[in-house]
PDB file of all heavy atoms in Angstrom:
ATOM      1  N   ASP A   1     -48.019 -18.958  21.884  1.00  0.00           N
ATOM      2  CA  ASP A   1     -48.418 -19.850  20.779  1.00  0.00           C
ATOM      3  C   ASP A   1     -47.433 -19.697  19.626  1.00  0.00           C
ATOM      4  O   ASP A   1     -47.746 -19.122  18.595  1.00  0.00           O
ATOM      5  CB  ASP A   1     -49.846 -19.530  20.335  1.00  0.00           C
ATOM      6  CG  ASP A   1     -50.335 -20.532  19.267  1.00  0.00           C
ATOM      7  OD1 ASP A   1     -49.706 -21.569  19.084  1.00  0.00           O
ATOM      8  OD2 ASP A   1     -51.352 -20.249  18.639  1.00  0.00           O
ATOM      9  N   PRO A   2     -46.197 -20.238  19.753  1.00  0.00           N
ATOM     10  CA  PRO A   2     -45.170 -20.037  18.724  1.00  0.00           C
ATOM     11  C   PRO A   2     -45.477 -20.774  17.415  1.00  0.00           C
ATOM     12  O   PRO A   2     -44.903 -20.431  16.380  1.00  0.00           O
ATOM     13  CB  PRO A   2     -43.893 -20.597  19.377  1.00  0.00           C
ATOM     14  CG  PRO A   2     -44.377 -21.573  20.431  1.00  0.00           C
ATOM     15  CD  PRO A   2     -45.696 -21.010  20.911  1.00  0.00           C
ATOM     16  N   LYS A   3     -46.419 -21.742  17.429  1.00  0.00           N
ATOM     17  CA  LYS A   3     -46.744 -22.458  16.210  1.00  0.00           C
ATOM     18  C   LYS A   3     -47.553 -21.642  15.222  1.00  0.00           C
ATOM     19  O   LYS A   3     -47.624 -21.928  14.045  1.00  0.00           O
ATOM     20  CB  LYS A   3     -47.492 -23.770  16.537  1.00  0.00           C
ATOM     21  CG  LYS A   3     -46.624 -24.769  17.314  1.00  0.00           C
ATOM     22  CD  LYS A   3     -47.445 -26.050  17.572  1.00  0.00           C
ATOM     23  CE  LYS A   3     -46.590 -27.087  18.283  1.00  0.00           C
ATOM     24  NZ  LYS A   3     -47.345 -28.328  18.562  1.00  0.00           N
ATOM     25  N   HIS A   4     -48.243 -20.608  15.712  1.00  0.00           N
ATOM     26  CA  HIS A   4     -49.070 -19.754  14.883  1.00  0.00           C
ATOM     27  C   HIS A   4     -48.649 -18.318  15.112  1.00  0.00           C
ATOM     28  O   HIS A   4     -49.333 -17.549  15.815  1.00  0.00           O
ATOM     29  CB  HIS A   4     -50.552 -19.941  15.185  1.00  0.00           C
ATOM     30  CG  HIS A   4     -51.052 -21.339  14.960  1.00  0.00           C
ATOM     31  ND1 HIS A   4     -51.034 -22.283  15.988  1.00  0.00           N
ATOM     32  CD2 HIS A   4     -51.515 -21.963  13.884  1.00  0.00           C
ATOM     33  CE1 HIS A   4     -51.505 -23.434  15.549  1.00  0.00           C
ATOM     34  NE2 HIS A   4     -51.783 -23.288  14.253  1.00  0.00           N
ATOM     35  N   PRO A   5     -47.470 -17.924  14.590  1.00  0.00           N
ATOM     36  CA  PRO A   5     -46.923 -16.612  14.890  1.00  0.00           C
ATOM     37  C   PRO A   5     -47.776 -15.460  14.340  1.00  0.00           C
ATOM     38  O   PRO A   5     -48.368 -15.561  13.260  1.00  0.00           O
ATOM     39  CB  PRO A   5     -45.540 -16.659  14.270  1.00  0.00           C
ATOM     40  CG  PRO A   5     -45.667 -17.619  13.154  1.00  0.00           C
ATOM     41  CD  PRO A   5     -46.632 -18.677  13.665  1.00  0.00           C
ATOM     42  N   VAL A   6     -47.794 -14.387  15.065  1.00  0.00           N
ATOM     43  CA  VAL A   6     -48.473 -13.148  14.635  1.00  0.00           C
ATOM     44  C   VAL A   6     -47.405 -12.101  14.452  1.00  0.00           C
ATOM     45  O   VAL A   6     -46.567 -11.924  15.319  1.00  0.00           O
ATOM     46  CB  VAL A   6     -49.494 -12.713  15.721  1.00  0.00           C
ATOM     47  CG1 VAL A   6     -50.030 -11.306  15.394  1.00  0.00           C
ATOM     48  CG2 VAL A   6     -50.596 -13.718  15.896  1.00  0.00           C
ATOM     49  N   ASN A   7     -47.449 -11.405  13.337  1.00  0.00           N
ATOM     50  CA  ASN A   7     -46.526 -10.308  13.145  1.00  0.00           C
ATOM     51  C   ASN A   7     -46.925  -9.185  14.125  1.00  0.00           C
ATOM     52  O   ASN A   7     -48.055  -8.669  14.034  1.00  0.00           O
ATOM     53  CB  ASN A   7     -46.581  -9.790  11.712  1.00  0.00           C
ATOM     54  CG  ASN A   7     -45.460  -8.818  11.409  1.00  0.00           C
ATOM     55  OD1 ASN A   7     -45.266  -7.869  12.110  1.00  0.00           O
ATOM     56  ND2 ASN A   7     -44.736  -9.069  10.309  1.00  0.00           N
ATOM     57  N   PRO A   8     -46.017  -8.821  15.058  1.00  0.00           N
ATOM     58  CA  PRO A   8     -46.417  -7.804  16.049  1.00  0.00           C
ATOM     59  C   PRO A   8     -46.859  -6.479  15.471  1.00  0.00           C
ATOM     60  O   PRO A   8     -47.578  -5.708  16.141  1.00  0.00           O
ATOM     61  CB  PRO A   8     -45.121  -7.639  16.890  1.00  0.00           C
ATOM     62  CG  PRO A   8     -44.350  -8.901  16.660  1.00  0.00           C
ATOM     63  CD  PRO A   8     -44.665  -9.321  15.254  1.00  0.00           C
ATOM     64  N   LEU A   9     -46.474  -6.201  14.245  1.00  0.00           N
ATOM     65  CA  LEU A   9     -46.858  -4.919  13.622  1.00  0.00           C
ATOM     66  C   LEU A   9     -48.324  -4.757  13.509  1.00  0.00           C
ATOM     67  O   LEU A   9     -48.857  -3.636  13.589  1.00  0.00           O
ATOM     68  CB  LEU A   9     -46.193  -4.783  12.253  1.00  0.00           C
ATOM     69  CG  LEU A   9     -44.654  -4.690  12.219  1.00  0.00           C
ATOM     70  CD1 LEU A   9     -44.173  -4.639  10.779  1.00  0.00           C
ATOM     71  CD2 LEU A   9     -44.162  -3.491  13.019  1.00  0.00           C
ATOM     72  N   ILE A  10     -49.084  -5.854  13.354  1.00  0.00           N
ATOM     73  CA  ILE A  10     -50.511  -5.689  13.184  1.00  0.00           C
ATOM     74  C   ILE A  10     -51.170  -5.282  14.487  1.00  0.00           C
ATOM     75  O   ILE A  10     -52.309  -4.813  14.489  1.00  0.00           O
ATOM     76  CB  ILE A  10     -51.168  -6.982  12.623  1.00  0.00           C
ATOM     77  CG1 ILE A  10     -51.208  -8.091  13.685  1.00  0.00           C
ATOM     78  CG2 ILE A  10     -50.473  -7.437  11.355  1.00  0.00           C
ATOM     79  CD1 ILE A  10     -52.067  -9.260  13.240  1.00  0.00           C
ATOM     80  N   GLY A  11     -50.466  -5.476  15.629  1.00  0.00           N
ATOM     81  CA  GLY A  11     -51.047  -5.055  16.904  1.00  0.00           C
ATOM     82  C   GLY A  11     -51.238  -3.563  16.987  1.00  0.00           C
ATOM     83  O   GLY A  11     -52.142  -3.068  17.619  1.00  0.00           O
ATOM     84  N   SER A  12     -50.364  -2.814  16.278  1.00  0.00           N
ATOM     85  CA  SER A  12     -50.510  -1.345  16.310  1.00  0.00           C
ATOM     86  C   SER A  12     -51.773  -0.904  15.628  1.00  0.00           C
ATOM     87  O   SER A  12     -52.263   0.219  15.870  1.00  0.00           O
ATOM     88  CB  SER A  12     -49.314  -0.718  15.586  1.00  0.00           C
ATOM     89  OG  SER A  12     -49.307  -1.040  14.202  1.00  0.00           O
ATOM     90  N   ALA A  13     -52.335  -1.727  14.744  1.00  0.00           N
ATOM     91  CA  ALA A  13     -53.567  -1.380  14.052  1.00  0.00           C
ATOM     92  C   ALA A  13     -54.793  -1.514  14.967  1.00  0.00           C
ATOM     93  O   ALA A  13     -55.902  -1.227  14.561  1.00  0.00           O
ATOM     94  CB  ALA A  13     -53.762  -2.296  12.828  1.00  0.00           C
ATOM     95  N   GLY A  14     -54.595  -1.916  16.224  1.00  0.00           N
ATOM     96  CA  GLY A  14     -55.687  -2.015  17.165  1.00  0.00           C
ATOM     97  C   GLY A  14     -56.307  -0.709  17.518  1.00  0.00           C
ATOM     98  O   GLY A  14     -57.449  -0.657  17.983  1.00  0.00           O
ATOM     99  N   VAL A  15     -55.575   0.406  17.302  1.00  0.00           N
ATOM    100  CA  VAL A  15     -56.232   1.695  17.452  1.00  0.00           C
ATOM    101  C   VAL A  15     -57.206   1.832  16.285  1.00  0.00           C
ATOM    102  O   VAL A  15     -56.985   1.306  15.196  1.00  0.00           O
ATOM    103  CB  VAL A  15     -55.183   2.839  17.429  1.00  0.00           C
ATOM    104  CG1 VAL A  15     -54.230   2.752  18.595  1.00  0.00           C
ATOM    105  CG2 VAL A  15     -54.406   2.883  16.115  1.00  0.00           C
ATOM    106  N   SER A  16     -58.313   2.489  16.525  1.00  0.00           N
ATOM    107  CA  SER A  16     -59.412   2.376  15.580  1.00  0.00           C
ATOM    108  C   SER A  16     -59.426   3.387  14.463  1.00  0.00           C
ATOM    109  O   SER A  16     -60.486   3.821  13.981  1.00  0.00           O
ATOM    110  CB  SER A  16     -60.753   2.462  16.333  1.00  0.00           C
ATOM    111  OG  SER A  16     -60.848   3.662  17.055  1.00  0.00           O
ATOM    112  N   ALA A  17     -58.241   3.833  14.029  1.00  0.00           N
ATOM    113  CA  ALA A  17     -58.156   4.725  12.872  1.00  0.00           C
ATOM    114  C   ALA A  17     -58.198   3.859  11.622  1.00  0.00           C
ATOM    115  O   ALA A  17     -57.193   3.389  11.124  1.00  0.00           O
ATOM    116  CB  ALA A  17     -56.864   5.529  12.918  1.00  0.00           C
ATOM    117  N   VAL A  18     -59.446   3.624  11.129  1.00  0.00           N
ATOM    118  CA  VAL A  18     -59.644   2.718   9.966  1.00  0.00           C
ATOM    119  C   VAL A  18     -59.640   3.507   8.687  1.00  0.00           C
ATOM    120  O   VAL A  18     -60.351   4.523   8.574  1.00  0.00           O
ATOM    121  CB  VAL A  18     -61.001   2.001  10.141  1.00  0.00           C
ATOM    122  CG1 VAL A  18     -61.271   1.066   8.968  1.00  0.00           C
ATOM    123  CG2 VAL A  18     -61.018   1.202  11.416  1.00  0.00           C
ATOM    124  N   PRO A  19     -58.978   3.037   7.660  1.00  0.00           N
ATOM    125  CA  PRO A  19     -58.014   1.933   7.613  1.00  0.00           C
ATOM    126  C   PRO A  19     -56.577   2.402   7.694  1.00  0.00           C
ATOM    127  O   PRO A  19     -55.638   1.681   7.321  1.00  0.00           O
ATOM    128  CB  PRO A  19     -58.256   1.297   6.239  1.00  0.00           C
ATOM    129  CG  PRO A  19     -58.571   2.510   5.372  1.00  0.00           C
ATOM    130  CD  PRO A  19     -59.286   3.505   6.266  1.00  0.00           C
ATOM    131  N   MET A  20     -56.373   3.626   8.205  1.00  0.00           N
ATOM    132  CA  MET A  20     -55.037   4.230   8.226  1.00  0.00           C
ATOM    133  C   MET A  20     -54.038   3.377   8.969  1.00  0.00           C
ATOM    134  O   MET A  20     -52.927   3.102   8.509  1.00  0.00           O
ATOM    135  CB  MET A  20     -55.106   5.613   8.848  1.00  0.00           C
ATOM    136  CG  MET A  20     -55.844   6.672   8.011  1.00  0.00           C
ATOM    137  SD  MET A  20     -55.989   8.230   8.922  1.00  0.00           S
ATOM    138  CE  MET A  20     -57.306   7.877  10.044  1.00  0.00           C
ATOM    139  N   ALA A  21     -54.429   2.940  10.193  1.00  0.00           N
ATOM    140  CA  ALA A  21     -53.494   2.172  11.026  1.00  0.00           C
ATOM    141  C   ALA A  21     -53.134   0.829  10.376  1.00  0.00           C
ATOM    142  O   ALA A  21     -51.988   0.402  10.468  1.00  0.00           O
ATOM    143  CB  ALA A  21     -54.122   1.958  12.379  1.00  0.00           C
ATOM    144  N   ALA A  22     -54.109   0.202   9.706  1.00  0.00           N
ATOM    145  CA  ALA A  22     -53.805  -1.042   9.010  1.00  0.00           C
ATOM    146  C   ALA A  22     -52.823  -0.827   7.871  1.00  0.00           C
ATOM    147  O   ALA A  22     -51.919  -1.657   7.669  1.00  0.00           O
ATOM    148  CB  ALA A  22     -55.104  -1.674   8.496  1.00  0.00           C
ATOM    149  N   ARG A  23     -53.019   0.280   7.120  1.00  0.00           N
ATOM    150  CA  ARG A  23     -52.077   0.574   6.051  1.00  0.00           C
ATOM    151  C   ARG A  23     -50.662   0.844   6.574  1.00  0.00           C
ATOM    152  O   ARG A  23     -49.673   0.421   5.932  1.00  0.00           O
ATOM    153  CB  ARG A  23     -52.578   1.762   5.255  1.00  0.00           C
ATOM    154  CG  ARG A  23     -53.819   1.508   4.435  1.00  0.00           C
ATOM    155  CD  ARG A  23     -53.969   2.516   3.292  1.00  0.00           C
ATOM    156  NE  ARG A  23     -54.042   3.873   3.769  1.00  0.00           N
ATOM    157  CZ  ARG A  23     -55.195   4.555   3.877  1.00  0.00           C
ATOM    158  NH1 ARG A  23     -56.340   3.992   3.551  1.00  0.00           N
ATOM    159  NH2 ARG A  23     -55.178   5.804   4.309  1.00  0.00           N
ATOM    160  N   VAL A  24     -50.561   1.511   7.716  1.00  0.00           N
ATOM    161  CA  VAL A  24     -49.240   1.800   8.283  1.00  0.00           C
ATOM    162  C   VAL A  24     -48.587   0.459   8.695  1.00  0.00           C
ATOM    163  O   VAL A  24     -47.382   0.268   8.498  1.00  0.00           O
ATOM    164  CB  VAL A  24     -49.370   2.738   9.493  1.00  0.00           C
ATOM    165  CG1 VAL A  24     -48.039   2.824  10.257  1.00  0.00           C
ATOM    166  CG2 VAL A  24     -49.818   4.128   9.049  1.00  0.00           C
ATOM    167  N   SER A  25     -49.345  -0.430   9.325  1.00  0.00           N
ATOM    168  CA  SER A  25     -48.774  -1.754   9.684  1.00  0.00           C
ATOM    169  C   SER A  25     -48.237  -2.471   8.478  1.00  0.00           C
ATOM    170  O   SER A  25     -47.132  -3.023   8.511  1.00  0.00           O
ATOM    171  CB  SER A  25     -49.844  -2.609  10.376  1.00  0.00           C
ATOM    172  OG  SER A  25     -50.315  -2.036  11.554  1.00  0.00           O
TER     173      SER A  25
END
């Protein structure tokens, strides 16, 4: 879906270390 790009960095936040992983992304 190239029309709605996702920054791949947010995929790393899928590990459930909240909110550490989101901050790292």
